[in-house]
Amino acid sequence: MGNIERGMNMTRETVIQNILTNYGQYISKEDVESMVDSGKEQGLTYDLIYLRLLVKIRMIILKLTIRYF
């Protein structure tokens, strides 16, 4: 059963690890850490920070993809 079925309960480290594992070619570790810390300062949970980062990164990838076609 995956995180979605169980309900996500991420930590700072799992957010950073998952983002870098899947999108490390698009974003640096330092940038991910900075965005995670910024989200936490805004009072967001790590689950929400992760989902927001996914949306932002995927939007960037989509824009880059569209640009090259």
Protein backbone atom coordinates (compact mmCIF):
# COMPACT_ATOMS: atom_id res chain seq x y z
CA MET A 1 0.00 0.00 0.00
CA GLY A 2 1.45 3.41 -0.99
CA ASN A 3 1.52 6.70 0.89
CA ILE A 4 -1.67 7.94 -0.75
CA GLU A 5 -3.71 4.96 0.45
CA ARG A 6 -2.26 5.11 3.98
CA GLY A 7 -2.36 8.87 4.16
CA MET A 8 0.88 10.71 3.75
CA ASN A 9 2.98 11.52 6.80
CA MET A 10 6.20 12.87 5.40
CA THR A 11 9.24 14.32 7.14
CA ARG A 12 11.62 16.98 5.89
CA GLU A 13 14.03 14.28 4.80
CA THR A 14 11.45 12.23 2.88
CA VAL A 15 10.22 15.32 1.03
CA ILE A 16 13.76 16.23 -0.03
CA GLN A 17 14.67 12.64 -0.90
CA ASN A 18 11.53 12.02 -2.96
CA ILE A 19 11.82 15.29 -4.89
CA LEU A 20 15.51 14.76 -5.66
CA THR A 21 15.01 11.11 -6.60
CA ASN A 22 12.32 11.96 -9.12
CA TYR A 23 13.26 15.49 -10.23
CA GLY A 24 16.89 16.00 -9.24
CA GLN A 25 17.84 16.70 -12.84
CA TYR A 26 15.65 19.82 -12.75
CA ILE A 27 16.32 21.22 -9.28
CA SER A 28 19.23 21.36 -6.85
CA LYS A 29 19.24 19.98 -3.34
CA GLU A 30 19.88 23.46 -1.96
CA ASP A 31 16.80 24.85 -3.74
CA VAL A 32 14.61 22.00 -2.50
CA GLU A 33 15.85 22.45 1.07
CA SER A 34 15.21 26.18 0.89
CA MET A 35 11.66 25.70 -0.41
CA VAL A 36 10.89 23.03 2.20
CA ASP A 37 12.15 25.27 5.00
CA SER A 38 10.20 28.23 3.62
CA GLY A 39 7.01 26.18 3.52
CA LYS A 40 7.54 25.04 7.09
CA GLU A 41 8.06 28.67 8.18
CA GLN A 42 4.68 29.44 6.59
CA GLY A 43 3.10 26.77 8.79
CA LEU A 44 2.58 24.13 6.10
CA THR A 45 2.81 20.41 6.78
CA TYR A 46 5.49 18.41 5.00
CA ASP A 47 2.77 16.58 3.05
CA LEU A 48 1.43 19.86 1.69
CA ILE A 49 4.92 21.17 0.98
CA TYR A 50 5.65 18.01 -1.02
CA LEU A 51 2.45 18.30 -3.05
CA ARG A 52 3.07 21.99 -3.77
CA LEU A 53 6.63 21.25 -4.90
CA LEU A 54 5.36 18.50 -7.19
CA VAL A 55 2.92 20.89 -8.84
CA LYS A 56 5.54 23.62 -9.29
CA ILE A 57 8.18 21.28 -10.70
CA ARG A 58 5.73 19.58 -13.05
CA MET A 59 4.57 22.97 -14.32
CA ILE A 60 8.18 23.92 -15.06
CA ILE A 61 8.76 20.63 -16.87
CA LEU A 62 5.58 21.13 -18.88
CA LYS A 63 6.62 24.65 -19.87
CA LEU A 64 10.05 23.41 -20.92
CA THR A 65 8.49 20.58 -22.90
CA ILE A 66 6.07 22.88 -24.70
CA ARG A 67 8.87 25.31 -25.50
CA TYR A 68 10.82 22.68 -27.40
CA PHE A 69 7.93 21.54 -29.60
